[in-house]
Amino acid sequence: MTKTYEKYYVPAQSPWPIVGAVALFLIAFGAGTYVNEVTKQQPGFGGYMLAAGFVVLIFMLFGWFKNVIDESMSGLYSAQMDRSFRQGMSWFIVSEVMFFMAFFGALFYGRVIALDWLSGGSNNAMTFEILWPNFEAMWPLLKTPGGIETQAMPATGLPLINTAILVLSSITLHFAHTGLEQHKRGQLKLMLLVTLLLGATFLGLQVYEYIHAYRDLGLTLASGFYGNTFFLLTGFHGMHVTLGAIILLFVFLRVLKGHFTPEKHFAFQAAAWYWHFVDVVWLCLYVFVYVI
C-alpha cells in the first residue's frame, strides 16, 4: 500500500545569509568604532562603516524577503511549511527574550549586588575603604570613581511620551489585524500606516533624547554603570524597533499589492508578534530603567 506524504518545499542555496552576516559585522564593528571616536572626539571611518552596514542590511532584507514572498505567492509552501515558519518565529522571539534578559540581569546585578559590595556591605568593609571610601550606595549611580558626574534621565517627558506612542502603535496594529480578518482593506491599510508613523516617531524622539542626554545631562557611555546600562538597553531596543518597523514596511507594501487573505497571512502575524514583543520589552525597560 502506497502512502501519500505532504510535500515540503526545500529552497535552493541562497547567498542572503552570508550577505546578512557581512551587514551585521559592519554594523557591530562600525557602531563600536563610531562610539569610541565620538567619545574621544577623534574623526575616523566608524560612521561610514556603520552606514554601509545598514545599506547592506536593507539590501539583504529586500532580496531575501522577495525570494520568500515569491515562493509563497507561487503556492510552494504547504501546511507543514507554515507550521515550520510559526515555530521558527516563536523560537526567534524566545531568543530575543533571553537576549534582553541578559541585560536586565546585568542591571539587577549592578543595582542589588554590586552597590552593596562597593558600599562595604556583605562583610566587605576593606574593599570599601581601599577602592572607593566616599562611595554612596544609591541608584541611579551618578558619580564614577574618576569623578565623572552626570544626571539621570527622568521618567517623565520624552520617555513617557515614547511609552504612550509604542502602546498606541500596538493598538493600531491590532486594529489593522482585525481589518484584515474582517475583509476591511481600508482599515487594514490606514491602521498599518499609522503604526509605521508611530514607530518612526518613536525612533525620532529617541534620537532627540540621546542628544539631550549627551548635551544637557552629561549622560554618556563614559558615565559609569548607569550610563552603560541606560544606553545598552535603550540602544538595543531602538535597534529592534528599527528592525520591526522595516518588517512592517515590507508587510505594508505587500498589503498595497493586494497580498494576504483572512485565511492566509502569517507574514502579517509574524510582524505583529515581533512588534508586540518589542512593545512589552519597552514597558519593562521603562519601569526598570526610568521609573525605579
C-alpha atoms as a PDB file:
ATOM      1  CA  MET A   1       0.000   0.000   0.000  1.00  0.00           C
ATOM      2  CA  THR A   2       1.479   3.363  -1.070  1.00  0.00           C
ATOM      3  CA  LYS A   3       1.402   6.212   1.429  1.00  0.00           C
ATOM      4  CA  THR A   4       0.887   9.779   0.310  1.00  0.00           C
ATOM      5  CA  TYR A   5       3.082  12.324   2.049  1.00  0.00           C
ATOM      6  CA  GLU A   6       2.591  16.045   2.238  1.00  0.00           C
ATOM      7  CA  LYS A   7       5.096  17.960   0.124  1.00  0.00           C
ATOM      8  CA  TYR A   8       7.725  20.053   1.860  1.00  0.00           C
ATOM      9  CA  TYR A   9       9.440  22.704  -0.222  1.00  0.00           C
ATOM     10  CA  VAL A  10      13.232  22.860   0.165  1.00  0.00           C
ATOM     11  CA  PRO A  11      14.655  26.083  -1.324  1.00  0.00           C
ATOM     12  CA  ALA A  12      17.883  26.233  -3.283  1.00  0.00           C
ATOM     13  CA  GLN A  13      21.096  27.540  -1.757  1.00  0.00           C
ATOM     14  CA  SER A  14      20.877  31.246  -1.005  1.00  0.00           C
ATOM     15  CA  PRO A  15      23.559  33.960  -0.701  1.00  0.00           C
ATOM     16  CA  TRP A  16      21.443  36.076   1.646  1.00  0.00           C
ATOM     17  CA  PRO A  17      22.622  34.578   4.970  1.00  0.00           C
ATOM     18  CA  ILE A  18      26.224  35.441   4.108  1.00  0.00           C
ATOM     19  CA  VAL A  19      25.225  38.942   2.969  1.00  0.00           C
ATOM     20  CA  GLY A  20      23.326  39.386   6.231  1.00  0.00           C
ATOM     21  CA  ALA A  21      26.323  38.261   8.276  1.00  0.00           C
ATOM     22  CA  VAL A  22      28.531  40.807   6.499  1.00  0.00           C
ATOM     23  CA  ALA A  23      25.934  43.521   7.205  1.00  0.00           C
ATOM     24  CA  LEU A  24      25.766  42.672  10.909  1.00  0.00           C
ATOM     25  CA  PHE A  25      29.568  42.632  11.161  1.00  0.00           C
ATOM     26  CA  LEU A  26      29.781  46.087   9.574  1.00  0.00           C
ATOM     27  CA  ILE A  27      27.073  47.413  11.889  1.00  0.00           C
ATOM     28  CA  ALA A  28      28.632  45.977  15.048  1.00  0.00           C
ATOM     29  CA  PHE A  29      32.217  46.977  14.218  1.00  0.00           C
ATOM     30  CA  GLY A  30      31.171  50.328  12.788  1.00  0.00           C
ATOM     31  CA  ALA A  31      28.968  51.182  15.786  1.00  0.00           C
ATOM     32  CA  GLY A  32      31.694  50.301  18.275  1.00  0.00           C
ATOM     33  CA  THR A  33      34.293  52.280  16.346  1.00  0.00           C
ATOM     34  CA  TYR A  34      31.978  55.251  15.893  1.00  0.00           C
ATOM     35  CA  VAL A  35      31.066  55.438  19.588  1.00  0.00           C
ATOM     36  CA  ASN A  36      34.752  55.275  20.509  1.00  0.00           C
ATOM     37  CA  GLU A  37      35.532  58.058  18.039  1.00  0.00           C
ATOM     38  CA  VAL A  38      32.735  60.258  19.407  1.00  0.00           C
ATOM     39  CA  THR A  39      33.810  59.628  22.994  1.00  0.00           C
ATOM     40  CA  LYS A  40      37.426  60.546  22.224  1.00  0.00           C
ATOM     41  CA  GLN A  41      36.384  63.270  19.745  1.00  0.00           C
ATOM     42  CA  GLN A  42      38.581  61.767  17.053  1.00  0.00           C
ATOM     43  CA  PRO A  43      37.418  61.593  13.405  1.00  0.00           C
ATOM     44  CA  GLY A  44      37.526  58.195  11.730  1.00  0.00           C
ATOM     45  CA  PHE A  45      35.749  55.706   9.498  1.00  0.00           C
ATOM     46  CA  GLY A  46      33.357  54.222  12.069  1.00  0.00           C
ATOM     47  CA  GLY A  47      30.356  56.247  10.917  1.00  0.00           C
ATOM     48  CA  TYR A  48      30.898  55.262   7.280  1.00  0.00           C
ATOM     49  CA  MET A  49      31.214  51.604   8.190  1.00  0.00           C
ATOM     50  CA  LEU A  50      28.035  51.794  10.277  1.00  0.00           C
ATOM     51  CA  ALA A  51      26.141  53.412   7.399  1.00  0.00           C
ATOM     52  CA  ALA A  52      27.493  50.816   4.953  1.00  0.00           C
ATOM     53  CA  GLY A  53      26.297  48.057   7.273  1.00  0.00           C
ATOM     54  CA  PHE A  54      22.759  49.419   7.273  1.00  0.00           C
ATOM     55  CA  VAL A  55      22.789  49.762   3.487  1.00  0.00           C
ATOM     56  CA  VAL A  56      23.909  46.137   3.078  1.00  0.00           C
ATOM     57  CA  LEU A  57      21.327  45.013   5.656  1.00  0.00           C
ATOM     58  CA  ILE A  58      18.474  46.748   3.812  1.00  0.00           C
ATOM     59  CA  PHE A  59      19.703  45.280   0.523  1.00  0.00           C
ATOM     60  CA  MET A  60      19.739  41.820   2.104  1.00  0.00           C
ATOM     61  CA  LEU A  61      16.242  42.247   3.532  1.00  0.00           C
ATOM     62  CA  PHE A  62      14.783  43.315   0.193  1.00  0.00           C
ATOM     63  CA  GLY A  63      16.442  40.416  -1.649  1.00  0.00           C
ATOM     64  CA  TRP A  64      15.665  37.707   0.916  1.00  0.00           C
ATOM     65  CA  PHE A  65      12.103  38.853   1.562  1.00  0.00           C
ATOM     66  CA  LYS A  66      11.450  38.997  -2.193  1.00  0.00           C
ATOM     67  CA  ASN A  67      12.541  35.385  -2.600  1.00  0.00           C
ATOM     68  CA  VAL A  68      10.337  34.186   0.263  1.00  0.00           C
ATOM     69  CA  ILE A  69       7.354  36.221  -0.959  1.00  0.00           C
ATOM     70  CA  ASP A  70       7.714  34.849  -4.496  1.00  0.00           C
ATOM     71  CA  GLU A  71       7.857  31.300  -3.138  1.00  0.00           C
ATOM     72  CA  SER A  72       4.777  31.865  -1.000  1.00  0.00           C
ATOM     73  CA  MET A  73       2.741  33.514  -3.769  1.00  0.00           C
ATOM     74  CA  SER A  74       3.694  30.658  -6.132  1.00  0.00           C
ATOM     75  CA  GLY A  75       1.999  28.142  -3.849  1.00  0.00           C
ATOM     76  CA  LEU A  76       5.192  26.281  -2.988  1.00  0.00           C
ATOM     77  CA  TYR A  77       4.510  26.254   0.755  1.00  0.00           C
ATOM     78  CA  SER A  78       2.456  23.532   2.397  1.00  0.00           C
ATOM     79  CA  ALA A  79       0.705  23.446   5.772  1.00  0.00           C
ATOM     80  CA  GLN A  80       3.817  21.823   7.261  1.00  0.00           C
ATOM     81  CA  MET A  81       5.948  24.663   5.944  1.00  0.00           C
ATOM     82  CA  ASP A  82       3.545  27.119   7.560  1.00  0.00           C
ATOM     83  CA  ARG A  83       3.980  25.339  10.888  1.00  0.00           C
ATOM     84  CA  SER A  84       7.745  25.496  10.445  1.00  0.00           C
ATOM     85  CA  PHE A  85       7.555  29.260   9.937  1.00  0.00           C
ATOM     86  CA  ARG A  86       5.460  29.635  13.087  1.00  0.00           C
ATOM     87  CA  GLN A  87       7.854  27.534  15.128  1.00  0.00           C
ATOM     88  CA  GLY A  88      10.845  29.418  13.755  1.00  0.00           C
ATOM     89  CA  MET A  89       9.336  32.812  14.580  1.00  0.00           C
ATOM     90  CA  SER A  90       8.344  31.621  18.054  1.00  0.00           C
ATOM     91  CA  TRP A  91      11.860  30.420  18.845  1.00  0.00           C
ATOM     92  CA  PHE A  92      13.333  33.607  17.398  1.00  0.00           C
ATOM     93  CA  ILE A  93      11.255  35.697  19.810  1.00  0.00           C
ATOM     94  CA  VAL A  94      12.257  33.384  22.681  1.00  0.00           C
ATOM     95  CA  SER A  95      15.909  34.008  21.808  1.00  0.00           C
ATOM     96  CA  GLU A  96      15.248  37.747  21.827  1.00  0.00           C
ATOM     97  CA  VAL A  97      13.669  37.434  25.264  1.00  0.00           C
ATOM     98  CA  MET A  98      16.845  35.745  26.513  1.00  0.00           C
ATOM     99  CA  PHE A  99      18.919  38.496  24.869  1.00  0.00           C
ATOM    100  CA  PHE A 100      17.184  41.235  26.811  1.00  0.00           C
ATOM    101  CA  MET A 101      17.065  39.142  29.981  1.00  0.00           C
ATOM    102  CA  ALA A 102      20.871  39.152  29.956  1.00  0.00           C
ATOM    103  CA  PHE A 103      20.942  42.962  30.027  1.00  0.00           C
ATOM    104  CA  PHE A 104      18.189  43.184  32.621  1.00  0.00           C
ATOM    105  CA  GLY A 105      20.180  40.650  34.642  1.00  0.00           C
ATOM    106  CA  ALA A 106      23.266  42.869  34.427  1.00  0.00           C
ATOM    107  CA  LEU A 107      21.180  45.808  35.608  1.00  0.00           C
ATOM    108  CA  PHE A 108      19.847  43.766  38.532  1.00  0.00           C
ATOM    109  CA  TYR A 109      23.359  42.582  39.468  1.00  0.00           C
ATOM    110  CA  GLY A 110      24.743  46.095  39.462  1.00  0.00           C
ATOM    111  CA  ARG A 111      21.908  47.633  41.455  1.00  0.00           C
ATOM    112  CA  VAL A 112      21.340  44.869  44.014  1.00  0.00           C
ATOM    113  CA  ILE A 113      24.702  43.122  44.420  1.00  0.00           C
ATOM    114  CA  ALA A 114      27.494  45.415  43.208  1.00  0.00           C
ATOM    115  CA  LEU A 115      26.190  48.512  45.006  1.00  0.00           C
ATOM    116  CA  ASP A 116      26.030  46.632  48.285  1.00  0.00           C
ATOM    117  CA  TRP A 117      29.538  45.227  47.753  1.00  0.00           C
ATOM    118  CA  LEU A 118      31.065  48.604  46.933  1.00  0.00           C
ATOM    119  CA  SER A 119      29.417  50.254  49.937  1.00  0.00           C
ATOM    120  CA  GLY A 120      31.108  47.848  52.342  1.00  0.00           C
ATOM    121  CA  GLY A 121      28.165  45.512  52.823  1.00  0.00           C
ATOM    122  CA  SER A 122      28.389  41.731  52.877  1.00  0.00           C
ATOM    123  CA  ASN A 123      31.466  41.890  55.157  1.00  0.00           C
ATOM    124  CA  ASN A 124      33.354  43.875  52.547  1.00  0.00           C
ATOM    125  CA  ALA A 125      34.491  46.881  54.593  1.00  0.00           C
ATOM    126  CA  MET A 126      38.126  46.575  53.459  1.00  0.00           C
ATOM    127  CA  THR A 127      37.227  46.964  49.776  1.00  0.00           C
ATOM    128  CA  PHE A 128      35.033  49.934  50.632  1.00  0.00           C
ATOM    129  CA  GLU A 129      37.895  51.714  52.416  1.00  0.00           C
ATOM    130  CA  ILE A 130      40.532  50.971  49.764  1.00  0.00           C
ATOM    131  CA  LEU A 131      38.683  51.258  46.432  1.00  0.00           C
ATOM    132  CA  TRP A 132      36.063  53.929  46.990  1.00  0.00           C
ATOM    133  CA  PRO A 133      35.935  55.345  50.534  1.00  0.00           C
ATOM    134  CA  ASN A 134      33.435  58.079  49.626  1.00  0.00           C
ATOM    135  CA  PHE A 135      31.038  55.782  47.782  1.00  0.00           C
ATOM    136  CA  GLU A 136      27.311  56.157  48.486  1.00  0.00           C
ATOM    137  CA  ALA A 137      25.073  53.177  47.688  1.00  0.00           C
ATOM    138  CA  MET A 138      22.255  54.897  45.823  1.00  0.00           C
ATOM    139  CA  TRP A 139      20.622  54.484  42.422  1.00  0.00           C
ATOM    140  CA  PRO A 140      20.994  55.853  39.868  1.00  0.00           C
ATOM    141  CA  LEU A 141      24.773  55.851  40.222  1.00  0.00           C
ATOM    142  CA  LEU A 142      25.613  59.355  39.025  1.00  0.00           C
ATOM    143  CA  LYS A 143      29.284  59.606  40.021  1.00  0.00           C
ATOM    144  CA  THR A 144      32.172  57.386  38.931  1.00  0.00           C
ATOM    145  CA  PRO A 145      35.469  56.764  40.786  1.00  0.00           C
ATOM    146  CA  GLY A 146      37.133  59.001  38.208  1.00  0.00           C
ATOM    147  CA  GLY A 147      34.992  61.922  39.291  1.00  0.00           C
ATOM    148  CA  ILE A 148      32.624  61.979  36.298  1.00  0.00           C
ATOM    149  CA  GLU A 149      29.221  63.262  37.373  1.00  0.00           C
ATOM    150  CA  THR A 150      26.022  63.093  35.358  1.00  0.00           C
ATOM    151  CA  GLN A 151      22.280  63.474  35.717  1.00  0.00           C
ATOM    152  CA  ALA A 152      19.657  60.743  35.485  1.00  0.00           C
ATOM    153  CA  MET A 153      17.158  60.640  32.636  1.00  0.00           C
ATOM    154  CA  PRO A 154      13.740  61.427  34.161  1.00  0.00           C
ATOM    155  CA  ALA A 155      10.780  59.094  33.660  1.00  0.00           C
ATOM    156  CA  THR A 156       8.567  61.970  32.552  1.00  0.00           C
ATOM    157  CA  GLY A 157       8.884  63.945  29.344  1.00  0.00           C
ATOM    158  CA  LEU A 158      10.188  62.141  26.278  1.00  0.00           C
ATOM    159  CA  PRO A 159      10.365  58.632  27.836  1.00  0.00           C
ATOM    160  CA  LEU A 160       6.728  58.844  28.943  1.00  0.00           C
ATOM    161  CA  ILE A 161       5.646  60.181  25.557  1.00  0.00           C
ATOM    162  CA  ASN A 162       7.529  57.387  23.791  1.00  0.00           C
ATOM    163  CA  THR A 163       5.866  54.836  26.063  1.00  0.00           C
ATOM    164  CA  ALA A 164       2.434  56.158  25.093  1.00  0.00           C
ATOM    165  CA  ILE A 165       3.442  56.111  21.404  1.00  0.00           C
ATOM    166  CA  LEU A 166       4.521  52.451  21.494  1.00  0.00           C
ATOM    167  CA  VAL A 167       1.394  51.358  23.403  1.00  0.00           C
ATOM    168  CA  LEU A 168      -0.743  53.217  20.875  1.00  0.00           C
ATOM    169  CA  SER A 169       1.146  51.566  17.997  1.00  0.00           C
ATOM    170  CA  SER A 170       0.255  48.127  19.358  1.00  0.00           C
ATOM    171  CA  ILE A 171      -3.397  49.165  19.465  1.00  0.00           C
ATOM    172  CA  THR A 172      -3.372  50.439  15.880  1.00  0.00           C
ATOM    173  CA  LEU A 173      -1.611  47.273  14.730  1.00  0.00           C
ATOM    174  CA  HIS A 174      -4.318  45.201  16.436  1.00  0.00           C
ATOM    175  CA  PHE A 175      -6.998  47.138  14.548  1.00  0.00           C
ATOM    176  CA  ALA A 176      -5.066  46.584  11.319  1.00  0.00           C
ATOM    177  CA  HIS A 177      -5.088  42.839  12.026  1.00  0.00           C
ATOM    178  CA  THR A 178      -8.815  42.990  12.758  1.00  0.00           C
ATOM    179  CA  GLY A 179      -9.388  44.774   9.453  1.00  0.00           C
ATOM    180  CA  LEU A 180      -7.500  42.030   7.602  1.00  0.00           C
ATOM    181  CA  GLU A 181      -9.525  39.271   9.224  1.00  0.00           C
ATOM    182  CA  GLN A 182     -12.804  41.075   8.502  1.00  0.00           C
ATOM    183  CA  HIS A 183     -12.067  41.926   4.829  1.00  0.00           C
ATOM    184  CA  LYS A 184     -11.776  45.639   5.670  1.00  0.00           C
ATOM    185  CA  ARG A 185      -8.814  46.531   3.466  1.00  0.00           C
ATOM    186  CA  GLY A 186      -9.205  50.276   4.045  1.00  0.00           C
ATOM    187  CA  GLN A 187      -8.950  49.841   7.805  1.00  0.00           C
ATOM    188  CA  LEU A 188      -6.002  47.495   7.323  1.00  0.00           C
ATOM    189  CA  LYS A 189      -4.060  49.989   5.211  1.00  0.00           C
ATOM    190  CA  LEU A 190      -4.841  53.007   7.384  1.00  0.00           C
ATOM    191  CA  MET A 191      -4.058  51.378  10.729  1.00  0.00           C
ATOM    192  CA  LEU A 192      -0.878  49.772   9.416  1.00  0.00           C
ATOM    193  CA  LEU A 193       0.296  53.112   8.038  1.00  0.00           C
ATOM    194  CA  VAL A 194      -0.448  54.796  11.381  1.00  0.00           C
ATOM    195  CA  THR A 195       1.560  52.070  13.147  1.00  0.00           C
ATOM    196  CA  LEU A 196       4.537  52.762  10.889  1.00  0.00           C
ATOM    197  CA  LEU A 197       4.306  56.512  11.504  1.00  0.00           C
ATOM    198  CA  LEU A 198       4.138  55.958  15.274  1.00  0.00           C
ATOM    199  CA  GLY A 199       7.220  53.703  15.098  1.00  0.00           C
ATOM    200  CA  ALA A 200       9.126  56.342  13.111  1.00  0.00           C
ATOM    201  CA  THR A 201       8.067  58.996  15.629  1.00  0.00           C
ATOM    202  CA  PHE A 202       9.335  56.848  18.500  1.00  0.00           C
ATOM    203  CA  LEU A 203      12.739  56.460  16.854  1.00  0.00           C
ATOM    204  CA  GLY A 204      12.961  60.167  16.081  1.00  0.00           C
ATOM    205  CA  LEU A 205      12.189  61.093  19.689  1.00  0.00           C
ATOM    206  CA  GLN A 206      14.729  58.571  20.962  1.00  0.00           C
ATOM    207  CA  VAL A 207      17.424  60.199  18.832  1.00  0.00           C
ATOM    208  CA  TYR A 208      16.434  63.565  20.307  1.00  0.00           C
ATOM    209  CA  GLU A 209      16.567  62.007  23.796  1.00  0.00           C
ATOM    210  CA  TYR A 210      20.137  60.832  23.164  1.00  0.00           C
ATOM    211  CA  ILE A 211      21.129  64.312  22.020  1.00  0.00           C
ATOM    212  CA  HIS A 212      19.564  65.752  25.177  1.00  0.00           C
ATOM    213  CA  ALA A 213      21.383  63.173  27.326  1.00  0.00           C
ATOM    214  CA  TYR A 214      24.792  63.962  25.823  1.00  0.00           C
ATOM    215  CA  ARG A 215      24.401  67.731  25.564  1.00  0.00           C
ATOM    216  CA  ASP A 216      22.389  68.695  28.627  1.00  0.00           C
ATOM    217  CA  LEU A 217      22.716  65.887  31.183  1.00  0.00           C
ATOM    218  CA  GLY A 218      26.304  64.791  30.613  1.00  0.00           C
ATOM    219  CA  LEU A 219      24.985  61.234  30.273  1.00  0.00           C
ATOM    220  CA  THR A 220      27.332  59.234  28.009  1.00  0.00           C
ATOM    221  CA  LEU A 221      28.788  55.756  27.731  1.00  0.00           C
ATOM    222  CA  ALA A 222      31.631  57.042  29.917  1.00  0.00           C
ATOM    223  CA  SER A 223      29.191  57.775  32.748  1.00  0.00           C
ATOM    224  CA  GLY A 224      29.877  54.555  34.604  1.00  0.00           C
ATOM    225  CA  PHE A 225      27.479  51.694  35.165  1.00  0.00           C
ATOM    226  CA  TYR A 226      24.315  53.788  34.940  1.00  0.00           C
ATOM    227  CA  GLY A 227      25.279  55.323  31.609  1.00  0.00           C
ATOM    228  CA  ASN A 228      26.363  51.976  30.187  1.00  0.00           C
ATOM    229  CA  THR A 229      23.186  50.110  31.101  1.00  0.00           C
ATOM    230  CA  PHE A 230      20.998  53.028  30.004  1.00  0.00           C
ATOM    231  CA  PHE A 231      22.459  53.202  26.504  1.00  0.00           C
ATOM    232  CA  LEU A 232      22.802  49.437  26.072  1.00  0.00           C
ATOM    233  CA  LEU A 233      19.186  48.711  26.966  1.00  0.00           C
ATOM    234  CA  THR A 234      17.603  51.663  25.169  1.00  0.00           C
ATOM    235  CA  GLY A 235      20.001  51.396  22.219  1.00  0.00           C
ATOM    236  CA  PHE A 236      19.414  47.718  21.567  1.00  0.00           C
ATOM    237  CA  HIS A 237      15.695  48.243  21.988  1.00  0.00           C
ATOM    238  CA  GLY A 238      15.842  51.060  19.451  1.00  0.00           C
ATOM    239  CA  MET A 239      17.620  48.723  17.064  1.00  0.00           C
ATOM    240  CA  HIS A 240      14.816  46.183  17.493  1.00  0.00           C
ATOM    241  CA  VAL A 241      12.186  48.858  16.892  1.00  0.00           C
ATOM    242  CA  THR A 242      14.019  49.773  13.693  1.00  0.00           C
ATOM    243  CA  LEU A 243      14.020  46.159  12.538  1.00  0.00           C
ATOM    244  CA  GLY A 244      10.349  45.772  13.455  1.00  0.00           C
ATOM    245  CA  ALA A 245       9.493  48.923  11.507  1.00  0.00           C
ATOM    246  CA  ILE A 246      11.357  47.598   8.458  1.00  0.00           C
ATOM    247  CA  ILE A 247       9.414  44.324   8.652  1.00  0.00           C
ATOM    248  CA  LEU A 248       6.124  46.213   8.971  1.00  0.00           C
ATOM    249  CA  LEU A 249       7.130  48.346   5.976  1.00  0.00           C
ATOM    250  CA  PHE A 250       7.501  45.219   3.847  1.00  0.00           C
ATOM    251  CA  VAL A 251       4.138  43.980   5.115  1.00  0.00           C
ATOM    252  CA  PHE A 252       2.573  47.345   4.243  1.00  0.00           C
ATOM    253  CA  LEU A 253       3.990  47.207   0.712  1.00  0.00           C
ATOM    254  CA  ARG A 254       2.537  43.712   0.332  1.00  0.00           C
ATOM    255  CA  VAL A 255      -0.830  44.951   1.576  1.00  0.00           C
ATOM    256  CA  LEU A 256      -0.782  47.682  -1.073  1.00  0.00           C
ATOM    257  CA  LYS A 257      -0.163  44.981  -3.701  1.00  0.00           C
ATOM    258  CA  GLY A 258      -3.208  43.038  -2.510  1.00  0.00           C
ATOM    259  CA  HIS A 259      -1.398  40.256  -0.689  1.00  0.00           C
ATOM    260  CA  PHE A 260      -2.804  38.400   2.346  1.00  0.00           C
ATOM    261  CA  THR A 261      -6.240  36.959   2.952  1.00  0.00           C
ATOM    262  CA  PRO A 262      -8.140  36.350   6.209  1.00  0.00           C
ATOM    263  CA  GLU A 263      -7.185  32.674   5.926  1.00  0.00           C
ATOM    264  CA  LYS A 264      -3.546  33.098   4.901  1.00  0.00           C
ATOM    265  CA  HIS A 265      -1.496  35.949   6.363  1.00  0.00           C
ATOM    266  CA  PHE A 266       1.209  34.528   8.598  1.00  0.00           C
ATOM    267  CA  ALA A 267       3.751  37.119   7.427  1.00  0.00           C
ATOM    268  CA  PHE A 268       1.476  39.791   8.887  1.00  0.00           C
ATOM    269  CA  GLN A 269       1.059  37.776  12.091  1.00  0.00           C
ATOM    270  CA  ALA A 270       4.810  37.286  12.477  1.00  0.00           C
ATOM    271  CA  ALA A 271       5.424  41.027  12.095  1.00  0.00           C
ATOM    272  CA  ALA A 272       2.684  41.730  14.636  1.00  0.00           C
ATOM    273  CA  TRP A 273       4.155  39.208  17.122  1.00  0.00           C
ATOM    274  CA  TYR A 274       7.536  40.894  16.860  1.00  0.00           C
ATOM    275  CA  TRP A 275       6.120  44.407  17.224  1.00  0.00           C
ATOM    276  CA  HIS A 276       4.078  43.482  20.303  1.00  0.00           C
ATOM    277  CA  PHE A 277       7.164  41.815  21.791  1.00  0.00           C
ATOM    278  CA  VAL A 278       9.190  44.988  21.268  1.00  0.00           C
ATOM    279  CA  ASP A 279       6.443  46.975  22.979  1.00  0.00           C
ATOM    280  CA  VAL A 280       6.423  44.661  26.013  1.00  0.00           C
ATOM    281  CA  VAL A 281      10.218  44.946  26.294  1.00  0.00           C
ATOM    282  CA  TRP A 282       9.926  48.735  26.292  1.00  0.00           C
ATOM    283  CA  LEU A 283       7.346  48.671  29.093  1.00  0.00           C
ATOM    284  CA  CYS A 284       9.745  46.583  31.207  1.00  0.00           C
ATOM    285  CA  LEU A 285      12.631  48.846  30.240  1.00  0.00           C
ATOM    286  CA  TYR A 286      10.667  51.975  31.099  1.00  0.00           C
ATOM    287  CA  VAL A 287       9.851  50.656  34.566  1.00  0.00           C
ATOM    288  CA  PHE A 288      13.315  49.334  35.488  1.00  0.00           C
ATOM    289  CA  VAL A 289      15.490  51.968  33.785  1.00  0.00           C
ATOM    290  CA  TYR A 290      13.457  55.162  34.041  1.00  0.00           C
ATOM    291  CA  VAL A 291      10.993  54.745  36.919  1.00  0.00           C
ATOM    292  CA  ILE A 292      12.629  52.716  39.719  1.00  0.00           C
END
